[in-house]
């Protein structure tokens, strides 16, 4: 008889699904930064692509990009950069925020072992200029400049990556260790190249 506290073991198709899910979790936990950087690069790059497409006469795909990004950005011409003779699909502040998130993410990948999380108080301090600049502009106290939007947006994006990414990395490491232990106990090989790397450790 199995003890009442011991859960029943999955078998057959259910077991295969559990193993496949664990393998996917393992691979994602190992390559999360690559996935996030690719998504950040795509998200930051499409607003640059839109004016280029317009300049080449490819109006339909350009307008699709403008439409999608209009849901998250006001796209006001007076607060946007123009390239190739057309307005970007992001305002200047958003361009700085998401462009910096992408660049800082790549830098984090290069410096990963030496980067410690940014203290929360310092992250708040770095985000404060954007909050002040944006709020003051919103209520008509002043009109922010392109430089103030870019600098404050870049500070916020950099602080966000420096604060969050090390914690995500740590959490993914713990998840990966749990999956490795689980697979070793069940005598299940880890997926592909990851299996070879674990044997070398």
Foldseek 3Di string as FASTA:
>chain_A
DDPPVDDDDDDDPVNVVVLVVLLVLLVCLVCVLVVVLVVLCVVLCLLVVLLVCVLVVVNVVSVVSLVVLVVPAVQDPQQFDDDSNHTGSHGLLVNLQSVLLNVLSVVCVVCVVPADADDPVVLCVLLVLVVVQVVCVVVVVDPDDSVSSNRSSNSNNNNVCRHPVNVSNVVSVVSNVVSVVVCVVVVHARDDPVSVVVVVD
